[in-house]
């Protein structure tokens, strides 16, 4: 059965299907936002010619904590080395 074209017969089924689609979109949007923020940290450091070891870059790119990512973005604009970024741990 193709769920993209199948029309649910009951109101309850239609509501639950719609709710699941909405929740899935919200999760995907949050994931995309966190991914973009993590990439921004790396981009800012790169633009400032600050070398980032692969291990730290991987840690940044998998982070999905918005508070930590915000702190890292702010720090990336002013720190002198990538080691200082670790001082911005929450």
PDB file of N, CA and C in Angstrom:
ATOM      1  N   UNK A   1       0.850  -1.182   0.000  1.00  0.00           N
ATOM      2  CA  UNK A   1       0.000   0.000   0.000  1.00  0.00           C
ATOM      3  C   UNK A   1       0.892   1.240   0.000  1.00  0.00           C
ATOM      4  N   UNK A   2       0.631   2.145  -0.855  1.00  0.00           N
ATOM      5  CA  UNK A   2       1.380   3.382  -0.961  1.00  0.00           C
ATOM      6  C   UNK A   2       0.731   4.413  -0.034  1.00  0.00           C
ATOM      7  N   UNK A   3       1.428   4.786   1.050  1.00  0.00           N
ATOM      8  CA  UNK A   3       0.853   5.729   2.025  1.00  0.00           C
ATOM      9  C   UNK A   3       0.796   7.155   1.510  1.00  0.00           C
ATOM     10  N   UNK A   4       1.495   7.450   0.440  1.00  0.00           N
ATOM     11  CA  UNK A   4       1.476   8.813  -0.095  1.00  0.00           C
ATOM     12  C   UNK A   4       0.172   9.115  -0.819  1.00  0.00           C
ATOM     13  N   UNK A   5      -0.459   8.069  -1.361  1.00  0.00           N
ATOM     14  CA  UNK A   5      -1.700   8.297  -2.094  1.00  0.00           C
ATOM     15  C   UNK A   5      -2.912   7.683  -1.389  1.00  0.00           C
ATOM     16  N   UNK A   6      -2.669   6.863  -0.382  1.00  0.00           N
ATOM     17  CA  UNK A   6      -3.772   6.212   0.323  1.00  0.00           C
ATOM     18  C   UNK A   6      -4.537   7.232   1.156  1.00  0.00           C
ATOM     19  N   UNK A   7      -5.829   7.232   1.061  1.00  0.00           N
ATOM     20  CA  UNK A   7      -6.655   8.132   1.859  1.00  0.00           C
ATOM     21  C   UNK A   7      -7.236   7.357   3.025  1.00  0.00           C
ATOM     22  N   UNK A   8      -6.886   7.780   4.229  1.00  0.00           N
ATOM     23  CA  UNK A   8      -7.402   7.128   5.419  1.00  0.00           C
ATOM     24  C   UNK A   8      -8.894   7.419   5.553  1.00  0.00           C
ATOM     25  N   UNK A   9      -9.621   6.412   5.974  1.00  0.00           N
ATOM     26  CA  UNK A   9     -11.071   6.532   6.014  1.00  0.00           C
ATOM     27  C   UNK A   9     -11.583   7.191   7.291  1.00  0.00           C
ATOM     28  N   UNK A  10     -10.935   6.948   8.410  1.00  0.00           N
ATOM     29  CA  UNK A  10     -11.452   7.506   9.660  1.00  0.00           C
ATOM     30  C   UNK A  10     -10.817   8.865   9.960  1.00  0.00           C
ATOM     31  N   UNK A  11     -11.557   9.703  10.661  1.00  0.00           N
ATOM     32  CA  UNK A  11     -11.026  11.006  11.073  1.00  0.00           C
ATOM     33  C   UNK A  11      -9.823  10.822  11.977  1.00  0.00           C
ATOM     34  N   UNK A  12      -9.905   9.842  12.871  1.00  0.00           N
ATOM     35  CA  UNK A  12      -8.812   9.581  13.814  1.00  0.00           C
ATOM     36  C   UNK A  12      -7.534   9.233  13.050  1.00  0.00           C
ATOM     37  N   UNK A  13      -7.650   8.351  12.062  1.00  0.00           N
ATOM     38  CA  UNK A  13      -6.476   7.959  11.279  1.00  0.00           C
ATOM     39  C   UNK A  13      -5.902   9.147  10.529  1.00  0.00           C
ATOM     40  N   UNK A  14      -6.752   9.952   9.931  1.00  0.00           N
ATOM     41  CA  UNK A  14      -6.275  11.140   9.193  1.00  0.00           C
ATOM     42  C   UNK A  14      -5.566  12.111  10.130  1.00  0.00           C
ATOM     43  N   UNK A  15      -6.128  12.328  11.323  1.00  0.00           N
ATOM     44  CA  UNK A  15      -5.514  13.259  12.285  1.00  0.00           C
ATOM     45  C   UNK A  15      -4.157  12.752  12.752  1.00  0.00           C
ATOM     46  N   UNK A  16      -4.081  11.457  13.069  1.00  0.00           N
ATOM     47  CA  UNK A  16      -2.815  10.897  13.537  1.00  0.00           C
ATOM     48  C   UNK A  16      -1.757  10.897  12.440  1.00  0.00           C
ATOM     49  N   UNK A  17      -2.153  10.620  11.222  1.00  0.00           N
ATOM     50  CA  UNK A  17      -1.219  10.661  10.099  1.00  0.00           C
ATOM     51  C   UNK A  17      -0.685  12.075   9.910  1.00  0.00           C
ATOM     52  N   UNK A  18      -1.568  13.053   9.952  1.00  0.00           N
ATOM     53  CA  UNK A  18      -1.164  14.454   9.794  1.00  0.00           C
ATOM     54  C   UNK A  18      -0.249  14.882  10.930  1.00  0.00           C
ATOM     55  N   UNK A  19      -0.561  14.448  12.139  1.00  0.00           N
ATOM     56  CA  UNK A  19       0.265  14.801  13.304  1.00  0.00           C
ATOM     57  C   UNK A  19       1.671  14.225  13.145  1.00  0.00           C
ATOM     58  N   UNK A  20       1.764  12.980  12.698  1.00  0.00           N
ATOM     59  CA  UNK A  20       3.072  12.348  12.488  1.00  0.00           C
ATOM     60  C   UNK A  20       3.891  13.067  11.439  1.00  0.00           C
ATOM     61  N   UNK A  21       3.244  13.496  10.366  1.00  0.00           N
ATOM     62  CA  UNK A  21       3.955  14.234   9.319  1.00  0.00           C
ATOM     63  C   UNK A  21       4.467  15.559   9.846  1.00  0.00           C
ATOM     64  N   UNK A  22       3.662  16.254  10.647  1.00  0.00           N
ATOM     65  CA  UNK A  22       4.057  17.547  11.206  1.00  0.00           C
ATOM     66  C   UNK A  22       5.231  17.379  12.168  1.00  0.00           C
ATOM     67  N   UNK A  23       5.153  16.378  13.045  1.00  0.00           N
ATOM     68  CA  UNK A  23       6.235  16.146  14.004  1.00  0.00           C
ATOM     69  C   UNK A  23       7.526  15.774  13.284  1.00  0.00           C
ATOM     70  N   UNK A  24       7.405  14.975  12.244  1.00  0.00           N
ATOM     71  CA  UNK A  24       8.589  14.590  11.473  1.00  0.00           C
ATOM     72  C   UNK A  24       9.243  15.787  10.814  1.00  0.00           C
ATOM     73  N   UNK A  25       8.433  16.696  10.305  1.00  0.00           N
ATOM     74  CA  UNK A  25       8.978  17.912   9.680  1.00  0.00           C
ATOM     75  C   UNK A  25       9.706  18.772  10.699  1.00  0.00           C
ATOM     76  N   UNK A  26       9.112  18.914  11.892  1.00  0.00           N
ATOM     77  CA  UNK A  26       9.731  19.742  12.935  1.00  0.00           C
ATOM     78  C   UNK A  26      11.081  19.164  13.348  1.00  0.00           C
ATOM     79  N   UNK A  27      11.145  17.841  13.482  1.00  0.00           N
ATOM     80  CA  UNK A  27      12.411  17.205  13.854  1.00  0.00           C
ATOM     81  C   UNK A  27      13.455  17.403  12.754  1.00  0.00           C
ATOM     82  N   UNK A  28      13.031  17.275  11.516  1.00  0.00           N
ATOM     83  CA  UNK A  28      13.961  17.460  10.401  1.00  0.00           C
ATOM     84  C   UNK A  28      14.449  18.900  10.341  1.00  0.00           C
ATOM     85  N   UNK A  29      13.577  19.853  10.617  1.00  0.00           N
ATOM     86  CA  UNK A  29      13.976  21.259  10.610  1.00  0.00           C
ATOM     87  C   UNK A  29      14.978  21.543  11.714  1.00  0.00           C
ATOM     88  N   UNK A  30      14.748  20.987  12.916  1.00  0.00           N
ATOM     89  CA  UNK A  30      15.679  21.188  14.025  1.00  0.00           C
ATOM     90  C   UNK A  30      17.032  20.565  13.698  1.00  0.00           C
ATOM     91  N   UNK A  31      17.014  19.385  13.110  1.00  0.00           N
ATOM     92  CA  UNK A  31      18.256  18.714  12.721  1.00  0.00           C
ATOM     93  C   UNK A  31      19.011  19.557  11.694  1.00  0.00           C
ATOM     94  N   UNK A  32      18.288  20.086  10.719  1.00  0.00           N
ATOM     95  CA  UNK A  32      18.915  20.917   9.688  1.00  0.00           C
ATOM     96  C   UNK A  32      19.495  22.197  10.258  1.00  0.00           C
ATOM     97  N   UNK A  33      18.781  22.790  11.207  1.00  0.00           N
ATOM     98  CA  UNK A  33      19.271  24.023  11.834  1.00  0.00           C
ATOM     99  C   UNK A  33      20.547  23.743  12.615  1.00  0.00           C
ATOM    100  N   UNK A  34      20.563  22.669  13.383  1.00  0.00           N
ATOM    101  CA  UNK A  34      21.750  22.327  14.167  1.00  0.00           C
ATOM    102  C   UNK A  34      22.932  22.018  13.251  1.00  0.00           C
ATOM    103  N   UNK A  35      22.663  21.312  12.163  1.00  0.00           N
ATOM    104  CA  UNK A  35      23.727  21.002  11.214  1.00  0.00           C
ATOM    105  C   UNK A  35      24.303  22.285  10.611  1.00  0.00           C
ATOM    106  N   UNK A  36      23.445  23.220  10.256  1.00  0.00           N
ATOM    107  CA  UNK A  36      23.906  24.488   9.690  1.00  0.00           C
ATOM    108  C   UNK A  36      24.715  25.290  10.707  1.00  0.00           C
ATOM    109  N   UNK A  37      24.279  25.285  11.954  1.00  0.00           N
ATOM    110  CA  UNK A  37      25.011  26.006  12.988  1.00  0.00           C
ATOM    111  C   UNK A  37      26.399  25.393  13.195  1.00  0.00           C
ATOM    112  N   UNK A  38      26.478  24.065  13.207  1.00  0.00           N
ATOM    113  CA  UNK A  38      27.765  23.390  13.377  1.00  0.00           C
ATOM    114  C   UNK A  38      28.695  23.728  12.216  1.00  0.00           C
ATOM    115  N   UNK A  39      28.156  23.720  11.014  1.00  0.00           N
ATOM    116  CA  UNK A  39      28.962  24.089   9.849  1.00  0.00           C
ATOM    117  C   UNK A  39      29.409  25.540   9.936  1.00  0.00           C
ATOM    118  N   UNK A  40      28.579  26.404  10.502  1.00  0.00           N
ATOM    119  CA  UNK A  40      28.949  27.816  10.650  1.00  0.00           C
ATOM    120  C   UNK A  40      30.167  27.971  11.553  1.00  0.00           C
ATOM    121  N   UNK A  41      30.232  27.180  12.601  1.00  0.00           N
ATOM    122  CA  UNK A  41      31.400  27.247  13.494  1.00  0.00           C
ATOM    123  C   UNK A  41      32.662  26.945  12.703  1.00  0.00           C
ATOM    124  N   UNK A  42      32.625  25.870  11.939  1.00  0.00           N
ATOM    125  CA  UNK A  42      33.793  25.463  11.153  1.00  0.00           C
ATOM    126  C   UNK A  42      34.121  26.513  10.091  1.00  0.00           C
ATOM    127  N   UNK A  43      33.115  27.061   9.448  1.00  0.00           N
ATOM    128  CA  UNK A  43      33.332  28.075   8.402  1.00  0.00           C
ATOM    129  C   UNK A  43      33.980  29.332   8.980  1.00  0.00           C
ATOM    130  N   UNK A  44      33.501  29.786  10.130  1.00  0.00           N
ATOM    131  CA  UNK A  44      34.075  30.987  10.752  1.00  0.00           C
ATOM    132  C   UNK A  44      35.528  30.737  11.129  1.00  0.00           C
ATOM    133  N   UNK A  45      35.807  29.585  11.727  1.00  0.00           N
ATOM    134  CA  UNK A  45      37.191  29.278  12.095  1.00  0.00           C
ATOM    135  C   UNK A  45      38.075  29.200  10.861  1.00  0.00           C
ATOM    136  N   UNK A  46      37.561  28.581   9.816  1.00  0.00           N
ATOM    137  CA  UNK A  46      38.328  28.481   8.572  1.00  0.00           C
ATOM    138  C   UNK A  46      38.580  29.864   7.967  1.00  0.00           C
ATOM    139  N   UNK A  47      37.562  30.712   7.977  1.00  0.00           N
ATOM    140  CA  UNK A  47      37.703  32.067   7.426  1.00  0.00           C
ATOM    141  C   UNK A  47      38.742  32.878   8.190  1.00  0.00           C
ATOM    142  N   UNK A  48      38.885  32.561   9.456  1.00  0.00           N
ATOM    143  CA  UNK A  48      39.874  33.274  10.280  1.00  0.00           C
ATOM    144  C   UNK A  48      41.230  32.573  10.274  1.00  0.00           C
ATOM    145  N   UNK A  49      41.393  31.570   9.400  1.00  0.00           N
ATOM    146  CA  UNK A  49      42.638  30.800   9.285  1.00  0.00           C
ATOM    147  C   UNK A  49      43.039  30.124  10.586  1.00  0.00           C
ATOM    148  N   UNK A  50      42.053  29.682  11.342  1.00  0.00           N
ATOM    149  CA  UNK A  50      42.319  28.938  12.572  1.00  0.00           C
ATOM    150  C   UNK A  50      42.228  27.458  12.237  1.00  0.00           C
ATOM    151  N   UNK A  51      43.322  26.752  12.443  1.00  0.00           N
ATOM    152  CA  UNK A  51      43.382  25.327  12.159  1.00  0.00           C
ATOM    153  C   UNK A  51      42.541  24.545  13.164  1.00  0.00           C
ATOM    154  N   UNK A  52      41.740  23.627  12.653  1.00  0.00           N
ATOM    155  CA  UNK A  52      40.879  22.802  13.505  1.00  0.00           C
ATOM    156  C   UNK A  52      41.244  21.343  13.266  1.00  0.00           C
ATOM    157  N   UNK A  53      41.743  20.667  14.303  1.00  0.00           N
ATOM    158  CA  UNK A  53      42.062  19.242  14.142  1.00  0.00           C
ATOM    159  C   UNK A  53      40.804  18.457  13.742  1.00  0.00           C
ATOM    160  N   UNK A  54      41.006  17.397  12.966  1.00  0.00           N
ATOM    161  CA  UNK A  54      39.872  16.597  12.492  1.00  0.00           C
ATOM    162  C   UNK A  54      38.991  16.100  13.632  1.00  0.00           C
ATOM    163  N   UNK A  55      39.602  15.696  14.739  1.00  0.00           N
ATOM    164  CA  UNK A  55      38.827  15.198  15.884  1.00  0.00           C
ATOM    165  C   UNK A  55      37.880  16.270  16.428  1.00  0.00           C
ATOM    166  N   UNK A  56      38.366  17.505  16.536  1.00  0.00           N
ATOM    167  CA  UNK A  56      37.528  18.602  17.007  1.00  0.00           C
ATOM    168  C   UNK A  56      36.469  18.963  15.964  1.00  0.00           C
ATOM    169  N   UNK A  57      36.858  18.964  14.698  1.00  0.00           N
ATOM    170  CA  UNK A  57      35.900  19.265  13.638  1.00  0.00           C
ATOM    171  C   UNK A  57      34.753  18.249  13.659  1.00  0.00           C
ATOM    172  N   UNK A  58      35.087  16.974  13.840  1.00  0.00           N
ATOM    173  CA  UNK A  58      34.049  15.934  13.918  1.00  0.00           C
ATOM    174  C   UNK A  58      33.130  16.164  15.109  1.00  0.00           C
ATOM    175  N   UNK A  59      33.713  16.553  16.235  1.00  0.00           N
ATOM    176  CA  UNK A  59      32.912  16.825  17.436  1.00  0.00           C
ATOM    177  C   UNK A  59      31.947  17.987  17.192  1.00  0.00           C
ATOM    178  N   UNK A  60      32.428  19.002  16.524  1.00  0.00           N
ATOM    179  CA  UNK A  60      31.580  20.165  16.219  1.00  0.00           C
ATOM    180  C   UNK A  60      30.446  19.753  15.287  1.00  0.00           C
ATOM    181  N   UNK A  61      30.781  19.024  14.234  1.00  0.00           N
ATOM    182  CA  UNK A  61      29.796  18.700  13.205  1.00  0.00           C
ATOM    183  C   UNK A  61      28.708  17.730  13.658  1.00  0.00           C
ATOM    184  N   UNK A  62      28.958  16.964  14.718  1.00  0.00           N
ATOM    185  CA  UNK A  62      27.912  16.051  15.207  1.00  0.00           C
ATOM    186  C   UNK A  62      27.106  16.653  16.359  1.00  0.00           C
ATOM    187  N   UNK A  63      27.514  17.798  16.853  1.00  0.00           N
ATOM    188  CA  UNK A  63      26.823  18.431  17.972  1.00  0.00           C
ATOM    189  C   UNK A  63      25.433  18.901  17.544  1.00  0.00           C
ATOM    190  N   UNK A  64      24.435  18.640  18.395  1.00  0.00           N
ATOM    191  CA  UNK A  64      23.061  19.078  18.127  1.00  0.00           C
ATOM    192  C   UNK A  64      22.492  19.857  19.306  1.00  0.00           C
ATOM    193  N   UNK A  65      23.373  20.312  20.186  1.00  0.00           N
ATOM    194  CA  UNK A  65      22.991  21.102  21.360  1.00  0.00           C
ATOM    195  C   UNK A  65      23.022  22.577  20.957  1.00  0.00           C
ATOM    196  N   UNK A  66      21.845  23.182  20.850  1.00  0.00           N
ATOM    197  CA  UNK A  66      21.762  24.566  20.363  1.00  0.00           C
ATOM    198  C   UNK A  66      22.510  25.549  21.260  1.00  0.00           C
ATOM    199  N   UNK A  67      22.466  25.363  22.565  1.00  0.00           N
ATOM    200  CA  UNK A  67      23.190  26.273  23.466  1.00  0.00           C
ATOM    201  C   UNK A  67      24.692  26.190  23.229  1.00  0.00           C
ATOM    202  N   UNK A  68      25.196  24.969  23.106  1.00  0.00           N
ATOM    203  CA  UNK A  68      26.630  24.799  22.872  1.00  0.00           C
ATOM    204  C   UNK A  68      27.016  25.367  21.511  1.00  0.00           C
ATOM    205  N   UNK A  69      26.212  25.107  20.499  1.00  0.00           N
ATOM    206  CA  UNK A  69      26.512  25.623  19.162  1.00  0.00           C
ATOM    207  C   UNK A  69      26.514  27.146  19.138  1.00  0.00           C
ATOM    208  N   UNK A  70      25.565  27.759  19.815  1.00  0.00           N
ATOM    209  CA  UNK A  70      25.547  29.230  19.906  1.00  0.00           C
ATOM    210  C   UNK A  70      26.809  29.749  20.571  1.00  0.00           C
ATOM    211  N   UNK A  71      27.227  29.101  21.647  1.00  0.00           N
ATOM    212  CA  UNK A  71      28.449  29.518  22.353  1.00  0.00           C
ATOM    213  C   UNK A  71      29.663  29.356  21.439  1.00  0.00           C
ATOM    214  N   UNK A  72      29.706  28.259  20.697  1.00  0.00           N
ATOM    215  CA  UNK A  72      30.833  28.022  19.798  1.00  0.00           C
ATOM    216  C   UNK A  72      30.857  29.028  18.651  1.00  0.00           C
ATOM    217  N   UNK A  73      29.698  29.386  18.127  1.00  0.00           N
ATOM    218  CA  UNK A  73      29.670  30.380  17.047  1.00  0.00           C
ATOM    219  C   UNK A  73      30.206  31.719  17.548  1.00  0.00           C
ATOM    220  N   UNK A  74      29.757  32.125  18.726  1.00  0.00           N
ATOM    221  CA  UNK A  74      30.232  33.393  19.302  1.00  0.00           C
ATOM    222  C   UNK A  74      31.728  33.338  19.568  1.00  0.00           C
ATOM    223  N   UNK A  75      32.192  32.226  20.109  1.00  0.00           N
ATOM    224  CA  UNK A  75      33.611  32.090  20.412  1.00  0.00           C
ATOM    225  C   UNK A  75      34.454  32.052  19.142  1.00  0.00           C
ATOM    226  N   UNK A  76      33.946  31.401  18.109  1.00  0.00           N
ATOM    227  CA  UNK A  76      34.702  31.272  16.858  1.00  0.00           C
ATOM    228  C   UNK A  76      35.053  32.639  16.267  1.00  0.00           C
ATOM    229  N   UNK A  77      34.258  33.625  16.567  1.00  0.00           N
ATOM    230  CA  UNK A  77      34.498  34.966  16.041  1.00  0.00           C
ATOM    231  C   UNK A  77      35.659  35.673  16.737  1.00  0.00           C
ATOM    232  N   UNK A  78      36.048  35.212  17.929  1.00  0.00           N
ATOM    233  CA  UNK A  78      37.047  35.963  18.692  1.00  0.00           C
ATOM    234  C   UNK A  78      38.245  35.158  19.173  1.00  0.00           C
ATOM    235  N   UNK A  79      38.148  33.836  19.217  1.00  0.00           N
ATOM    236  CA  UNK A  79      39.249  33.047  19.783  1.00  0.00           C
ATOM    237  C   UNK A  79      40.487  33.096  18.893  1.00  0.00           C
ATOM    238  N   UNK A  80      41.613  32.777  19.481  1.00  0.00           N
ATOM    239  CA  UNK A  80      42.877  32.801  18.754  1.00  0.00           C
ATOM    240  C   UNK A  80      43.314  31.420  18.283  1.00  0.00           C
ATOM    241  N   UNK A  81      42.756  30.359  18.873  1.00  0.00           N
ATOM    242  CA  UNK A  81      43.102  28.994  18.454  1.00  0.00           C
ATOM    243  C   UNK A  81      41.901  28.087  18.692  1.00  0.00           C
ATOM    244  N   UNK A  82      41.885  26.969  17.997  1.00  0.00           N
ATOM    245  CA  UNK A  82      40.765  26.044  18.167  1.00  0.00           C
ATOM    246  C   UNK A  82      40.750  25.427  19.561  1.00  0.00           C
ATOM    247  N   UNK A  83      41.918  25.377  20.222  1.00  0.00           N
ATOM    248  CA  UNK A  83      41.964  24.879  21.599  1.00  0.00           C
ATOM    249  C   UNK A  83      41.091  25.735  22.511  1.00  0.00           C
ATOM    250  N   UNK A  84      41.029  27.024  22.252  1.00  0.00           N
ATOM    251  CA  UNK A  84      40.214  27.929  23.063  1.00  0.00           C
ATOM    252  C   UNK A  84      38.740  27.612  22.911  1.00  0.00           C
ATOM    253  N   UNK A  85      38.362  27.002  21.810  1.00  0.00           N
ATOM    254  CA  UNK A  85      36.958  26.649  21.604  1.00  0.00           C
ATOM    255  C   UNK A  85      36.516  25.640  22.657  1.00  0.00           C
ATOM    256  N   UNK A  86      37.417  24.776  23.067  1.00  0.00           N
ATOM    257  CA  UNK A  86      37.088  23.789  24.093  1.00  0.00           C
ATOM    258  C   UNK A  86      36.796  24.455  25.435  1.00  0.00           C
ATOM    259  N   UNK A  87      37.323  25.669  25.637  1.00  0.00           N
ATOM    260  CA  UNK A  87      37.027  26.410  26.862  1.00  0.00           C
ATOM    261  C   UNK A  87      35.581  26.860  26.881  1.00  0.00           C
ATOM    262  N   UNK A  88      34.922  26.833  25.722  1.00  0.00           N
ATOM    263  CA  UNK A  88      33.531  27.258  25.616  1.00  0.00           C
ATOM    264  C   UNK A  88      32.553  26.118  25.866  1.00  0.00           C
ATOM    265  N   UNK A  89      33.055  24.997  26.386  1.00  0.00           N
ATOM    266  CA  UNK A  89      32.170  23.881  26.725  1.00  0.00           C
ATOM    267  C   UNK A  89      31.196  24.312  27.776  1.00  0.00           C
ATOM    268  N   UNK A  90      29.977  23.807  27.677  1.00  0.00           N
ATOM    269  CA  UNK A  90      28.930  24.155  28.661  1.00  0.00           C
ATOM    270  C   UNK A  90      28.956  23.178  29.803  1.00  0.00           C
TER     271      UNK A  90
END
